[in-house]
């Protein structure tokens, strides 16, 4: 298992589950994915209300 995937194991319960995927474009003429809806507020709507140093940690890519 890759290191990046192993790091996600602790948050898998917080991630939406994929219900269906069509990457062939046969259903609606484009790629699509259906996921469970996660309750809460989308990050772009709330992130600016947090201190700047915590915003950097949210957006950090390793």
PDB file of N, CA and C in Angstrom:
ATOM      1  N   UNK A   1       0.844  -1.182   0.000  1.00  0.00           N
ATOM      2  CA  UNK A   1       0.000   0.000   0.000  1.00  0.00           C
ATOM      3  C   UNK A   1       0.884   1.238   0.000  1.00  0.00           C
ATOM      4  N   UNK A   2       0.527   2.214  -0.807  1.00  0.00           N
ATOM      5  CA  UNK A   2       1.305   3.433  -0.867  1.00  0.00           C
ATOM      6  C   UNK A   2       1.134   4.232   0.406  1.00  0.00           C
ATOM      7  N   UNK A   3       2.159   5.012   0.736  1.00  0.00           N
ATOM      8  CA  UNK A   3       2.134   5.816   1.953  1.00  0.00           C
ATOM      9  C   UNK A   3       0.957   6.781   1.960  1.00  0.00           C
ATOM     10  N   UNK A   4       0.654   7.415   0.834  1.00  0.00           N
ATOM     11  CA  UNK A   4      -0.434   8.385   0.795  1.00  0.00           C
ATOM     12  C   UNK A   4      -1.785   7.725   1.069  1.00  0.00           C
ATOM     13  N   UNK A   5      -1.980   6.515   0.590  1.00  0.00           N
ATOM     14  CA  UNK A   5      -3.230   5.798   0.831  1.00  0.00           C
ATOM     15  C   UNK A   5      -3.308   5.359   2.288  1.00  0.00           C
ATOM     16  N   UNK A   6      -2.228   4.892   2.842  1.00  0.00           N
ATOM     17  CA  UNK A   6      -2.207   4.463   4.242  1.00  0.00           C
ATOM     18  C   UNK A   6      -2.550   5.622   5.168  1.00  0.00           C
ATOM     19  N   UNK A   7      -2.146   6.836   4.818  1.00  0.00           N
ATOM     20  CA  UNK A   7      -2.445   8.007   5.634  1.00  0.00           C
ATOM     21  C   UNK A   7      -3.922   8.355   5.652  1.00  0.00           C
ATOM     22  N   UNK A   8      -4.669   7.891   4.676  1.00  0.00           N
ATOM     23  CA  UNK A   8      -6.103   8.176   4.610  1.00  0.00           C
ATOM     24  C   UNK A   8      -6.951   7.179   5.396  1.00  0.00           C
ATOM     25  N   UNK A   9      -6.361   6.080   5.822  1.00  0.00           N
ATOM     26  CA  UNK A   9      -7.140   5.047   6.509  1.00  0.00           C
ATOM     27  C   UNK A   9      -7.846   5.561   7.753  1.00  0.00           C
ATOM     28  N   UNK A  10      -7.238   6.500   8.462  1.00  0.00           N
ATOM     29  CA  UNK A  10      -7.832   6.994   9.706  1.00  0.00           C
ATOM     30  C   UNK A  10      -9.049   7.884   9.454  1.00  0.00           C
ATOM     31  N   UNK A  11      -9.240   8.370   8.230  1.00  0.00           N
ATOM     32  CA  UNK A  11     -10.375   9.252   7.956  1.00  0.00           C
ATOM     33  C   UNK A  11     -11.386   8.636   6.982  1.00  0.00           C
ATOM     34  N   UNK A  12     -11.274   7.357   6.701  1.00  0.00           N
ATOM     35  CA  UNK A  12     -12.180   6.746   5.724  1.00  0.00           C
ATOM     36  C   UNK A  12     -13.644   6.854   6.126  1.00  0.00           C
ATOM     37  N   UNK A  13     -13.950   6.858   7.412  1.00  0.00           N
ATOM     38  CA  UNK A  13     -15.342   7.003   7.846  1.00  0.00           C
ATOM     39  C   UNK A  13     -15.886   8.399   7.562  1.00  0.00           C
ATOM     40  N   UNK A  14     -15.000   9.375   7.381  1.00  0.00           N
ATOM     41  CA  UNK A  14     -15.414  10.748   7.111  1.00  0.00           C
ATOM     42  C   UNK A  14     -15.559  11.034   5.624  1.00  0.00           C
ATOM     43  N   UNK A  15     -15.116  10.113   4.790  1.00  0.00           N
ATOM     44  CA  UNK A  15     -15.137  10.322   3.346  1.00  0.00           C
ATOM     45  C   UNK A  15     -16.436   9.779   2.748  1.00  0.00           C
ATOM     46  N   UNK A  16     -16.959  10.443   1.708  1.00  0.00           N
ATOM     47  CA  UNK A  16     -18.189   9.934   1.091  1.00  0.00           C
ATOM     48  C   UNK A  16     -17.954   8.593   0.419  1.00  0.00           C
ATOM     49  N   UNK A  17     -18.952   7.750   0.468  1.00  0.00           N
ATOM     50  CA  UNK A  17     -18.881   6.438  -0.182  1.00  0.00           C
ATOM     51  C   UNK A  17     -19.387   6.566  -1.612  1.00  0.00           C
ATOM     52  N   UNK A  18     -18.688   5.952  -2.537  1.00  0.00           N
ATOM     53  CA  UNK A  18     -19.089   5.982  -3.940  1.00  0.00           C
ATOM     54  C   UNK A  18     -20.178   4.937  -4.159  1.00  0.00           C
ATOM     55  N   UNK A  19     -21.299   5.372  -4.728  1.00  0.00           N
ATOM     56  CA  UNK A  19     -22.416   4.469  -4.974  1.00  0.00           C
ATOM     57  C   UNK A  19     -22.416   3.933  -6.402  1.00  0.00           C
ATOM     58  N   UNK A  20     -22.038   4.779  -7.356  1.00  0.00           N
ATOM     59  CA  UNK A  20     -22.034   4.368  -8.757  1.00  0.00           C
ATOM     60  C   UNK A  20     -21.079   5.256  -9.544  1.00  0.00           C
ATOM     61  N   UNK A  21     -20.493   4.684 -10.611  1.00  0.00           N
ATOM     62  CA  UNK A  21     -19.561   5.403 -11.475  1.00  0.00           C
ATOM     63  C   UNK A  21     -19.786   4.964 -12.912  1.00  0.00           C
ATOM     64  N   UNK A  22     -19.708   5.916 -13.829  1.00  0.00           N
ATOM     65  CA  UNK A  22     -19.691   5.579 -15.248  1.00  0.00           C
ATOM     66  C   UNK A  22     -18.618   6.419 -15.911  1.00  0.00           C
ATOM     67  N   UNK A  23     -17.502   5.809 -16.240  1.00  0.00           N
ATOM     68  CA  UNK A  23     -16.414   6.525 -16.918  1.00  0.00           C
ATOM     69  C   UNK A  23     -16.425   6.256 -18.419  1.00  0.00           C
ATOM     70  N   UNK A  24     -17.445   5.557 -18.890  1.00  0.00           N
ATOM     71  CA  UNK A  24     -17.542   5.255 -20.322  1.00  0.00           C
ATOM     72  C   UNK A  24     -18.320   6.318 -21.083  1.00  0.00           C
ATOM     73  N   UNK A  25     -19.119   7.118 -20.386  1.00  0.00           N
ATOM     74  CA  UNK A  25     -19.957   8.111 -21.038  1.00  0.00           C
ATOM     75  C   UNK A  25     -21.195   7.530 -21.673  1.00  0.00           C
ATOM     76  N   UNK A  26     -21.494   6.263 -21.422  1.00  0.00           N
ATOM     77  CA  UNK A  26     -22.635   5.606 -22.061  1.00  0.00           C
ATOM     78  C   UNK A  26     -23.978   5.994 -21.437  1.00  0.00           C
ATOM     79  N   UNK A  27     -23.968   6.426 -20.183  1.00  0.00           N
ATOM     80  CA  UNK A  27     -25.233   6.740 -19.508  1.00  0.00           C
ATOM     81  C   UNK A  27     -25.693   8.159 -19.815  1.00  0.00           C
ATOM     82  N   UNK A  28     -24.828   9.150 -19.619  1.00  0.00           N
ATOM     83  CA  UNK A  28     -25.216  10.546 -19.841  1.00  0.00           C
ATOM     84  C   UNK A  28     -24.243  11.294 -20.752  1.00  0.00           C
ATOM     85  N   UNK A  29     -23.360  10.589 -21.420  1.00  0.00           N
ATOM     86  CA  UNK A  29     -22.454  11.245 -22.356  1.00  0.00           C
ATOM     87  C   UNK A  29     -21.251  11.913 -21.734  1.00  0.00           C
ATOM     88  N   UNK A  30     -20.999  11.648 -20.483  1.00  0.00           N
ATOM     89  CA  UNK A  30     -19.800  12.162 -19.802  1.00  0.00           C
ATOM     90  C   UNK A  30     -19.493  11.287 -18.599  1.00  0.00           C
ATOM     91  N   UNK A  31     -18.321  11.460 -18.009  1.00  0.00           N
ATOM     92  CA  UNK A  31     -17.967  10.714 -16.802  1.00  0.00           C
ATOM     93  C   UNK A  31     -18.755  11.276 -15.622  1.00  0.00           C
ATOM     94  N   UNK A  32     -19.197  10.401 -14.733  1.00  0.00           N
ATOM     95  CA  UNK A  32     -19.910  10.859 -13.559  1.00  0.00           C
ATOM     96  C   UNK A  32     -19.725   9.895 -12.401  1.00  0.00           C
ATOM     97  N   UNK A  33     -20.042  10.359 -11.195  1.00  0.00           N
ATOM     98  CA  UNK A  33     -19.931   9.561  -9.980  1.00  0.00           C
ATOM     99  C   UNK A  33     -21.033  10.009  -9.028  1.00  0.00           C
ATOM    100  N   UNK A  34     -21.677   9.074  -8.362  1.00  0.00           N
ATOM    101  CA  UNK A  34     -22.682   9.378  -7.342  1.00  0.00           C
ATOM    102  C   UNK A  34     -22.096   8.966  -5.999  1.00  0.00           C
ATOM    103  N   UNK A  35     -22.136   9.905  -5.035  1.00  0.00           N
ATOM    104  CA  UNK A  35     -21.618   9.645  -3.697  1.00  0.00           C
ATOM    105  C   UNK A  35     -22.692   9.965  -2.666  1.00  0.00           C
ATOM    106  N   UNK A  36     -22.519   9.389  -1.466  1.00  0.00           N
ATOM    107  CA  UNK A  36     -23.342   9.787  -0.340  1.00  0.00           C
ATOM    108  C   UNK A  36     -23.084  11.257  -0.052  1.00  0.00           C
ATOM    109  N   UNK A  37     -24.084  11.967   0.415  1.00  0.00           N
ATOM    110  CA  UNK A  37     -23.949  13.359   0.828  1.00  0.00           C
ATOM    111  C   UNK A  37     -23.421  13.394   2.252  1.00  0.00           C
ATOM    112  N   UNK A  38     -22.426  14.225   2.496  1.00  0.00           N
ATOM    113  CA  UNK A  38     -21.892  14.384   3.844  1.00  0.00           C
ATOM    114  C   UNK A  38     -22.499  15.622   4.482  1.00  0.00           C
ATOM    115  N   UNK A  39     -23.028  15.500   5.693  1.00  0.00           N
ATOM    116  CA  UNK A  39     -23.609  16.670   6.348  1.00  0.00           C
ATOM    117  C   UNK A  39     -22.521  17.676   6.720  1.00  0.00           C
ATOM    118  N   UNK A  40     -22.902  18.915   6.800  1.00  0.00           N
ATOM    119  CA  UNK A  40     -21.957  19.952   7.205  1.00  0.00           C
ATOM    120  C   UNK A  40     -21.905  21.082   6.192  1.00  0.00           C
ATOM    121  N   UNK A  41     -20.972  21.988   6.425  1.00  0.00           N
ATOM    122  CA  UNK A  41     -20.791  23.150   5.563  1.00  0.00           C
ATOM    123  C   UNK A  41     -19.573  22.932   4.685  1.00  0.00           C
ATOM    124  N   UNK A  42     -19.670  23.180   3.377  1.00  0.00           N
ATOM    125  CA  UNK A  42     -18.502  23.033   2.511  1.00  0.00           C
ATOM    126  C   UNK A  42     -17.350  23.936   2.963  1.00  0.00           C
ATOM    127  N   UNK A  43     -16.139  23.427   2.876  1.00  0.00           N
ATOM    128  CA  UNK A  43     -14.956  24.163   3.339  1.00  0.00           C
ATOM    129  C   UNK A  43     -14.846  25.565   2.748  1.00  0.00           C
ATOM    130  N   UNK A  44     -15.069  25.779   1.447  1.00  0.00           N
ATOM    131  CA  UNK A  44     -14.934  27.139   0.910  1.00  0.00           C
ATOM    132  C   UNK A  44     -15.851  28.166   1.584  1.00  0.00           C
ATOM    133  N   UNK A  45     -16.960  27.706   2.147  1.00  0.00           N
ATOM    134  CA  UNK A  45     -17.885  28.623   2.807  1.00  0.00           C
ATOM    135  C   UNK A  45     -17.459  28.962   4.229  1.00  0.00           C
ATOM    136  N   UNK A  46     -16.652  28.130   4.855  1.00  0.00           N
ATOM    137  CA  UNK A  46     -16.279  28.351   6.259  1.00  0.00           C
ATOM    138  C   UNK A  46     -14.802  28.637   6.487  1.00  0.00           C
ATOM    139  N   UNK A  47     -13.969  28.261   5.561  1.00  0.00           N
ATOM    140  CA  UNK A  47     -12.526  28.330   5.790  1.00  0.00           C
ATOM    141  C   UNK A  47     -12.053  29.737   6.139  1.00  0.00           C
ATOM    142  N   UNK A  48     -12.636  30.754   5.537  1.00  0.00           N
ATOM    143  CA  UNK A  48     -12.184  32.125   5.808  1.00  0.00           C
ATOM    144  C   UNK A  48     -12.484  32.570   7.232  1.00  0.00           C
ATOM    145  N   UNK A  49     -13.363  31.873   7.946  1.00  0.00           N
ATOM    146  CA  UNK A  49     -13.666  32.239   9.332  1.00  0.00           C
ATOM    147  C   UNK A  49     -12.631  31.698  10.325  1.00  0.00           C
ATOM    148  N   UNK A  50     -11.712  30.848   9.860  1.00  0.00           N
ATOM    149  CA  UNK A  50     -10.664  30.302  10.718  1.00  0.00           C
ATOM    150  C   UNK A  50      -9.408  31.151  10.630  1.00  0.00           C
ATOM    151  N   UNK A  51      -8.563  31.147  11.676  1.00  0.00           N
ATOM    152  CA  UNK A  51      -7.300  31.903  11.613  1.00  0.00           C
ATOM    153  C   UNK A  51      -6.454  31.455  10.421  1.00  0.00           C
ATOM    154  N   UNK A  52      -5.670  32.382   9.875  1.00  0.00           N
ATOM    155  CA  UNK A  52      -4.880  32.099   8.672  1.00  0.00           C
ATOM    156  C   UNK A  52      -3.948  30.895   8.847  1.00  0.00           C
ATOM    157  N   UNK A  53      -3.359  30.700  10.047  1.00  0.00           N
ATOM    158  CA  UNK A  53      -2.429  29.576  10.231  1.00  0.00           C
ATOM    159  C   UNK A  53      -3.143  28.228  10.141  1.00  0.00           C
ATOM    160  N   UNK A  54      -4.397  28.157  10.555  1.00  0.00           N
ATOM    161  CA  UNK A  54      -5.128  26.898  10.427  1.00  0.00           C
ATOM    162  C   UNK A  54      -5.586  26.669   8.989  1.00  0.00           C
ATOM    163  N   UNK A  55      -5.804  27.743   8.235  1.00  0.00           N
ATOM    164  CA  UNK A  55      -6.162  27.597   6.826  1.00  0.00           C
ATOM    165  C   UNK A  55      -5.025  26.936   6.064  1.00  0.00           C
ATOM    166  N   UNK A  56      -3.800  27.331   6.370  1.00  0.00           N
ATOM    167  CA  UNK A  56      -2.633  26.755   5.694  1.00  0.00           C
ATOM    168  C   UNK A  56      -2.545  25.253   5.949  1.00  0.00           C
ATOM    169  N   UNK A  57      -2.841  24.816   7.176  1.00  0.00           N
ATOM    170  CA  UNK A  57      -2.799  23.380   7.488  1.00  0.00           C
ATOM    171  C   UNK A  57      -3.890  22.621   6.748  1.00  0.00           C
ATOM    172  N   UNK A  58      -5.030  23.248   6.562  1.00  0.00           N
ATOM    173  CA  UNK A  58      -6.124  22.594   5.838  1.00  0.00           C
ATOM    174  C   UNK A  58      -5.742  22.384   4.376  1.00  0.00           C
ATOM    175  N   UNK A  59      -5.049  23.343   3.789  1.00  0.00           N
ATOM    176  CA  UNK A  59      -4.711  23.283   2.366  1.00  0.00           C
ATOM    177  C   UNK A  59      -3.370  22.624   2.084  1.00  0.00           C
ATOM    178  N   UNK A  60      -2.635  22.227   3.125  1.00  0.00           N
ATOM    179  CA  UNK A  60      -1.299  21.653   2.947  1.00  0.00           C
ATOM    180  C   UNK A  60      -1.354  20.318   2.191  1.00  0.00           C
ATOM    181  N   UNK A  61      -0.421  20.143   1.282  1.00  0.00           N
ATOM    182  CA  UNK A  61      -0.288  18.907   0.522  1.00  0.00           C
ATOM    183  C   UNK A  61       1.092  18.336   0.820  1.00  0.00           C
ATOM    184  N   UNK A  62       1.130  17.083   1.198  1.00  0.00           N
ATOM    185  CA  UNK A  62       2.423  16.462   1.510  1.00  0.00           C
ATOM    186  C   UNK A  62       2.919  15.670   0.349  1.00  0.00           C
TER     187      UNK A  62
END
